[in-house]
Amino acid sequence: MQNKIEDAVNEISKVVYGKEKQIRLALCCLLAGGHLLMEDKPGMGKTTLSQALARVLGLEFSRVQFTSDLLPADILGVTIYDQNLAKFSFHPGPVFSNIILADEINRTTPKTQSALLEAMEEGQVSVDGETRKLPEPFFVIATQNPTSFAGTYPLPESQLDRFLMRLKIGYPDPEAERELLQSSEPRITLDQLKQCLTADDIKLLHEEIDKVHATDSLLDYVQRLIAYTRQDDKFSFGLSPRGAIALVRSAKTWTMMNERSHVLPEDVQMVLPAVTDHRLRAVSDSSGKHGEEYSQRLLNEVDIVSD
């Protein structure tokens, strides 16, 4: 199974140059069963990475371009009266896919943003008084521009907490950028990417993740990290239990991807920024901006081994 994961990384690297760490973290997020938020400036490759992930996973894929006039029904679906059948029938929206790409999610209103909350947390949606299950597996990959950009509506903490990870793509290094400039348009090759994993593979990987062991000392380290965010007066609020579970689940998935059966502190440290940065905010930060310095503070000030 590890060979398939490596094949997936190699395939995505054909269209997203020089970003192996971000690719692996994105795969880690989805293989862990979580939802992924990618935030960066326009043109950094967020949408390309999202589409490449869907391609290599071989799952049913829908894309929604979020705009200020988008309505919840445009995502969830709508019930329409059918005159031929003389009854109401439900027309499912794009959320009824294995992977939904919510492109520029923070360019729509909070009401429409919240339409995804139930889907992300419970794998179902309620429309017109009826609850409908979503297909399994179900992943949301959302992209957003920095909140300082014009026309954006910041995601509330309740919705940010439902994303297992938040990633930033960042500028490519000079070598990768030269390769990009010398090649043809990357999007042209998206359809040429081969499928590397299936829904059954993902189910088997979930079972493998459950077998990964975290020792008591490792969990002690995780709890010290969590306690630091809740007790240090620099933070407005600490990590929630959902955030704590997300950290352990992500670390186990990273361990599994590296063909090990026991979680190491290095595994926790590798996934910690992606899992915690969007969940934490400093008391002094009145803008609501979530930054990398918070996770770095955790890594610097919390000892791996207790005294």
Protein backbone atom coordinates (compact mmCIF):
# COMPACT_ATOMS: atom_id res chain seq x y z
CA MET A 1 0.00 0.00 0.00
CA GLN A 2 2.93 2.33 0.68
CA ASN A 3 3.92 1.98 -2.96
CA LYS A 4 0.54 3.36 -3.97
CA ILE A 5 0.99 6.33 -1.64
CA GLU A 6 4.41 7.05 -3.15
CA ASP A 7 2.92 6.75 -6.64
CA ALA A 8 0.26 9.29 -5.66
CA VAL A 9 2.90 11.73 -4.38
CA ASN A 10 4.92 11.31 -7.58
CA GLU A 11 1.87 11.85 -9.78
CA ILE A 12 0.82 15.04 -8.01
CA SER A 13 4.41 16.30 -8.17
CA LYS A 14 4.09 16.32 -11.97
CA VAL A 15 1.75 19.31 -11.77
CA VAL A 16 2.73 20.85 -8.40
CA TYR A 17 6.46 21.43 -8.57
CA GLY A 18 8.80 21.46 -5.60
CA LYS A 19 6.11 21.03 -2.92
CA GLU A 20 6.57 17.44 -1.74
CA LYS A 21 6.04 18.32 1.93
CA GLN A 22 2.72 20.06 1.20
CA ILE A 23 1.63 17.19 -1.06
CA ARG A 24 2.38 14.61 1.63
CA LEU A 25 0.58 16.63 4.30
CA ALA A 26 -2.44 17.03 2.01
CA LEU A 27 -2.54 13.27 1.40
CA CYS A 28 -2.06 12.68 5.12
CA CYS A 29 -5.10 14.86 5.82
CA LEU A 30 -7.36 13.04 3.38
CA LEU A 31 -6.12 9.56 4.28
CA ALA A 32 -6.83 10.40 7.93
CA GLY A 33 -10.44 11.05 6.95
CA GLY A 34 -10.26 14.80 7.48
CA HIS A 35 -11.09 17.93 5.51
CA LEU A 36 -8.39 20.15 4.06
CA LEU A 37 -8.19 23.96 3.94
CA MET A 38 -5.58 25.59 1.69
CA GLU A 39 -4.92 29.29 2.15
CA ASP A 40 -2.60 31.36 0.01
CA LYS A 41 -2.44 34.14 -2.52
CA PRO A 42 -4.09 33.66 -5.95
CA GLY A 43 -2.04 31.73 -8.48
CA MET A 44 -0.06 29.66 -5.98
CA GLY A 45 -1.43 26.28 -7.10
CA LYS A 46 -4.18 25.65 -4.54
CA THR A 47 -6.79 24.60 -7.09
CA THR A 48 -4.28 22.56 -9.10
CA LEU A 49 -3.25 20.61 -6.00
CA SER A 50 -6.91 20.05 -5.09
CA GLN A 51 -7.78 18.69 -8.52
CA ALA A 52 -4.66 16.52 -8.61
CA LEU A 53 -5.58 14.99 -5.24
CA ALA A 54 -9.03 14.06 -6.54
CA ARG A 55 -7.50 12.62 -9.69
CA VAL A 56 -5.01 10.28 -7.98
CA LEU A 57 -7.58 9.15 -5.41
CA GLY A 58 -9.97 8.21 -8.21
CA LEU A 59 -13.06 9.47 -6.38
CA GLU A 60 -16.16 11.25 -7.64
CA PHE A 61 -15.34 14.94 -7.72
CA SER A 62 -17.36 18.17 -7.76
CA ARG A 63 -16.17 21.74 -7.79
CA VAL A 64 -18.08 24.76 -6.52
CA GLN A 65 -16.80 28.27 -7.20
CA PHE A 66 -17.82 30.24 -4.12
CA THR A 67 -19.05 33.76 -4.86
CA SER A 68 -20.94 36.40 -2.89
CA ASP A 69 -24.29 35.44 -4.49
CA LEU A 70 -23.97 31.67 -3.91
CA LEU A 71 -26.85 30.16 -1.92
CA PRO A 72 -26.91 27.08 0.36
CA ALA A 73 -29.23 25.34 -2.11
CA ASP A 74 -26.54 25.69 -4.80
CA ILE A 75 -24.39 23.37 -2.68
CA LEU A 76 -26.85 21.05 -0.96
CA GLY A 77 -29.54 20.70 -3.62
CA VAL A 78 -33.18 21.66 -3.88
CA THR A 79 -36.62 20.05 -3.91
CA ILE A 80 -38.61 20.82 -7.07
CA TYR A 81 -42.18 19.94 -8.00
CA ASP A 82 -42.27 17.61 -11.00
CA GLN A 83 -45.48 18.20 -12.97
CA ASN A 84 -45.09 14.99 -14.95
CA LEU A 85 -44.89 12.86 -11.81
CA ALA A 86 -47.19 15.16 -9.80
CA LYS A 87 -44.85 15.09 -6.83
CA PHE A 88 -41.84 16.82 -5.35
CA SER A 89 -38.42 15.38 -6.15
CA PHE A 90 -35.03 16.20 -4.70
CA HIS A 91 -32.24 17.31 -7.03
CA PRO A 92 -28.94 16.72 -5.18
CA GLY A 93 -26.30 19.42 -5.24
CA PRO A 94 -22.56 19.04 -5.79
CA VAL A 95 -22.03 18.15 -2.12
CA PHE A 96 -23.21 14.62 -2.99
CA SER A 97 -19.73 13.61 -4.21
CA ASN A 98 -16.77 11.89 -2.60
CA ILE A 99 -14.67 15.03 -2.91
CA ILE A 100 -16.03 18.55 -3.12
CA LEU A 101 -13.68 21.40 -3.94
CA ALA A 102 -14.98 24.56 -2.29
CA ASP A 103 -12.96 27.04 -4.30
CA GLU A 104 -12.39 30.42 -2.60
CA ILE A 105 -14.72 29.46 0.24
CA ASN A 106 -14.23 32.78 2.04
CA ARG A 107 -15.66 34.79 -0.87
CA THR A 108 -19.22 33.76 -0.02
CA THR A 109 -21.44 34.86 2.85
CA PRO A 110 -21.39 33.20 6.30
CA LYS A 111 -24.86 31.72 5.65
CA THR A 112 -23.58 29.80 2.64
CA GLN A 113 -20.32 28.88 4.36
CA SER A 114 -22.30 27.29 7.18
CA ALA A 115 -24.15 25.04 4.71
CA LEU A 116 -21.12 22.75 4.81
CA LEU A 117 -20.95 22.42 8.60
CA GLU A 118 -23.28 19.43 8.98
CA ALA A 119 -21.79 17.73 5.93
CA MET A 120 -18.24 18.07 7.24
CA GLU A 121 -19.00 16.91 10.76
CA GLU A 122 -21.65 14.23 10.29
CA GLY A 123 -21.41 13.13 6.65
CA GLN A 124 -25.02 14.08 5.99
CA VAL A 125 -27.16 17.07 5.04
CA SER A 126 -30.66 18.13 6.07
CA VAL A 127 -32.78 19.65 3.31
CA ASP A 128 -36.50 20.41 3.57
CA GLY A 129 -36.80 18.49 6.82
CA GLU A 130 -35.20 15.31 5.50
CA THR A 131 -31.72 14.04 6.34
CA ARG A 132 -29.71 12.52 3.51
CA LYS A 133 -26.46 10.61 3.87
CA LEU A 134 -23.46 11.63 1.81
CA PRO A 135 -21.33 9.09 -0.08
CA GLU A 136 -18.35 7.53 1.66
CA PRO A 137 -15.59 8.52 1.75
CA PHE A 138 -16.47 12.22 1.85
CA PHE A 139 -13.84 14.97 1.82
CA VAL A 140 -14.04 18.73 1.57
CA ILE A 141 -11.02 20.46 0.06
CA ALA A 142 -11.46 24.21 0.46
CA THR A 143 -9.26 27.00 -0.82
CA GLN A 144 -9.28 30.55 0.42
CA ASN A 145 -7.44 33.80 -0.16
CA PRO A 146 -5.87 35.68 2.76
CA THR A 147 -8.53 37.50 4.78
CA SER A 148 -6.78 40.81 4.09
CA PHE A 149 -7.82 40.52 0.44
CA ALA A 150 -10.86 42.45 -0.79
CA GLY A 151 -14.21 40.66 -0.88
CA THR A 152 -13.49 37.99 1.71
CA TYR A 153 -15.61 36.81 4.65
CA PRO A 154 -13.39 35.25 7.37
CA LEU A 155 -14.39 31.72 8.33
CA PRO A 156 -15.64 31.51 11.94
CA GLU A 157 -13.68 29.45 14.46
CA SER A 158 -16.45 26.82 14.55
CA GLN A 159 -15.92 26.08 10.86
CA LEU A 160 -12.14 26.35 10.93
CA ASP A 161 -12.12 23.70 13.68
CA ARG A 162 -13.82 21.25 11.32
CA PHE A 163 -10.85 21.28 8.96
CA LEU A 164 -8.32 18.70 10.04
CA MET A 165 -5.47 20.68 8.47
CA ARG A 166 -4.73 24.05 6.94
CA LEU A 167 -1.87 24.30 4.47
CA LYS A 168 -0.09 27.10 2.70
CA ILE A 169 1.54 26.33 -0.64
CA GLY A 170 4.09 29.16 -0.67
CA TYR A 171 6.31 30.35 -3.49
CA PRO A 172 8.30 27.67 -5.32
CA ASP A 173 12.05 27.49 -4.85
CA PRO A 174 14.14 28.82 -7.79
CA GLU A 175 14.84 25.37 -9.21
CA ALA A 176 11.17 24.35 -9.19
CA GLU A 177 10.14 27.71 -10.61
CA ARG A 178 12.60 27.36 -13.50
CA GLU A 179 11.13 23.92 -14.26
CA LEU A 180 7.67 25.46 -14.16
CA LEU A 181 8.65 28.26 -16.54
CA GLN A 182 10.24 25.85 -19.00
CA SER A 183 7.27 23.48 -19.06
CA SER A 184 3.85 23.79 -20.65
CA GLU A 185 0.83 25.01 -18.66
CA PRO A 186 0.52 22.58 -15.66
CA ARG A 187 -3.28 22.36 -15.84
CA ILE A 188 -3.05 20.74 -19.26
CA THR A 189 -1.54 17.61 -17.69
CA LEU A 190 -4.17 17.16 -14.95
CA ASP A 191 -6.23 14.82 -17.11
CA GLN A 192 -3.11 12.76 -17.78
CA LEU A 193 -2.51 11.93 -14.13
CA LYS A 194 -3.15 8.30 -13.34
CA GLN A 195 -5.33 7.04 -10.54
CA CYS A 196 -3.19 5.55 -7.76
CA LEU A 197 -5.71 4.73 -5.03
CA THR A 198 -9.33 3.59 -4.81
CA ALA A 199 -12.12 3.94 -2.26
CA ASP A 200 -11.34 0.40 -1.08
CA ASP A 201 -7.67 1.33 -0.64
CA ILE A 202 -8.66 4.32 1.48
CA LYS A 203 -10.84 2.07 3.65
CA LEU A 204 -7.92 -0.34 4.16
CA LEU A 205 -5.61 2.56 5.01
CA HIS A 206 -8.07 3.75 7.65
CA GLU A 207 -7.80 0.32 9.24
CA GLU A 208 -4.00 0.49 9.12
CA ILE A 209 -4.05 3.89 10.82
CA ASP A 210 -6.13 2.44 13.65
CA LYS A 211 -3.38 -0.15 14.23
CA VAL A 212 -0.67 2.48 14.73
CA HIS A 213 0.32 2.64 18.41
CA ALA A 214 0.88 5.77 20.46
CA THR A 215 2.70 5.10 23.73
CA ASP A 216 1.74 6.67 27.04
CA SER A 217 4.84 8.89 26.94
CA LEU A 218 3.89 10.11 23.46
CA LEU A 219 0.35 10.91 24.60
CA ASP A 220 1.83 12.70 27.63
CA TYR A 221 3.76 14.91 25.21
CA VAL A 222 0.59 15.62 23.21
CA GLN A 223 -1.29 16.51 26.38
CA ARG A 224 1.47 18.90 27.43
CA LEU A 225 1.17 20.62 24.06
CA ILE A 226 -2.58 20.90 24.47
CA ALA A 227 -2.35 22.11 28.06
CA TYR A 228 0.11 24.81 27.05
CA THR A 229 -2.40 26.33 24.62
CA ARG A 230 -5.09 26.33 27.32
CA GLN A 231 -2.99 27.71 30.16
CA ASP A 232 -0.69 30.23 28.50
CA ASP A 233 -2.16 33.71 28.65
CA LYS A 234 -0.80 34.52 25.18
CA PHE A 235 -3.60 32.48 23.59
CA SER A 236 -7.23 33.62 23.34
CA PHE A 237 -8.36 30.00 23.68
CA GLY A 238 -6.75 26.59 23.70
CA LEU A 239 -7.07 23.58 21.46
CA SER A 240 -10.47 21.90 21.65
CA PRO A 241 -10.87 18.15 22.22
CA ARG A 242 -11.59 17.89 18.49
CA GLY A 243 -8.26 19.59 17.81
CA ALA A 244 -6.47 17.23 20.19
CA ILE A 245 -7.97 14.18 18.49
CA ALA A 246 -7.04 15.67 15.10
CA LEU A 247 -3.41 16.01 16.19
CA VAL A 248 -3.13 12.38 17.29
CA ARG A 249 -4.99 11.08 14.22
CA SER A 250 -2.78 13.09 11.88
CA ALA A 251 0.39 11.92 13.61
CA LYS A 252 -0.73 8.30 13.33
CA THR A 253 -1.45 8.75 9.63
CA TRP A 254 1.96 10.34 9.04
CA THR A 255 3.51 7.38 10.87
CA MET A 256 1.62 4.91 8.70
CA MET A 257 2.69 6.74 5.53
CA ASN A 258 6.30 6.29 6.65
CA GLU A 259 5.84 2.54 7.22
CA ARG A 260 6.17 2.60 10.99
CA SER A 261 3.88 1.16 13.63
CA HIS A 262 4.69 3.51 16.54
CA VAL A 263 4.22 7.26 16.63
CA LEU A 264 7.37 9.30 17.34
CA PRO A 265 7.50 12.86 18.71
CA GLU A 266 8.86 13.88 15.29
CA ASP A 267 5.59 12.72 13.71
CA VAL A 268 3.60 14.97 16.03
CA GLN A 269 5.93 17.88 15.32
CA MET A 270 5.65 17.39 11.58
CA VAL A 271 1.85 17.64 11.47
CA LEU A 272 1.39 20.07 14.38
CA PRO A 273 1.59 23.37 12.42
CA ALA A 274 -0.96 22.21 9.83
CA VAL A 275 -3.31 20.92 12.53
CA THR A 276 -3.08 23.76 15.04
CA ASP A 277 -2.28 27.07 13.30
CA HIS A 278 -5.87 27.69 12.17
CA ARG A 279 -7.23 26.70 15.58
CA LEU A 280 -5.18 29.12 17.68
CA ARG A 281 -5.16 32.89 18.02
CA ALA A 282 -3.07 35.13 20.25
CA VAL A 283 -4.73 37.46 22.76
CA SER A 284 -2.86 40.40 21.26
CA ASP A 285 -4.16 39.62 17.76
CA SER A 286 -7.44 41.52 17.44
CA SER A 287 -7.60 40.99 13.69
CA GLY A 288 -8.52 37.30 14.03
CA LYS A 289 -5.51 36.30 11.95
CA HIS A 290 -4.14 32.82 12.57
CA GLY A 291 -0.38 32.50 12.20
CA GLU A 292 2.45 30.00 12.13
CA GLU A 293 4.25 31.56 15.09
CA TYR A 294 1.79 29.92 17.50
CA SER A 295 2.71 26.36 16.63
CA GLN A 296 6.39 27.29 16.56
CA ARG A 297 6.00 28.65 20.08
CA LEU A 298 4.56 25.29 21.13
CA LEU A 299 7.44 23.37 19.61
CA ASN A 300 10.01 25.66 21.21
CA GLU A 301 8.57 25.85 24.71
CA VAL A 302 7.08 22.39 25.38
CA ASP A 303 9.59 19.66 26.23
CA ILE A 304 9.30 16.27 24.58
CA VAL A 305 10.15 14.56 27.87
CA SER A 306 8.64 15.82 31.12
CA ASP A 307 10.87 16.72 34.03
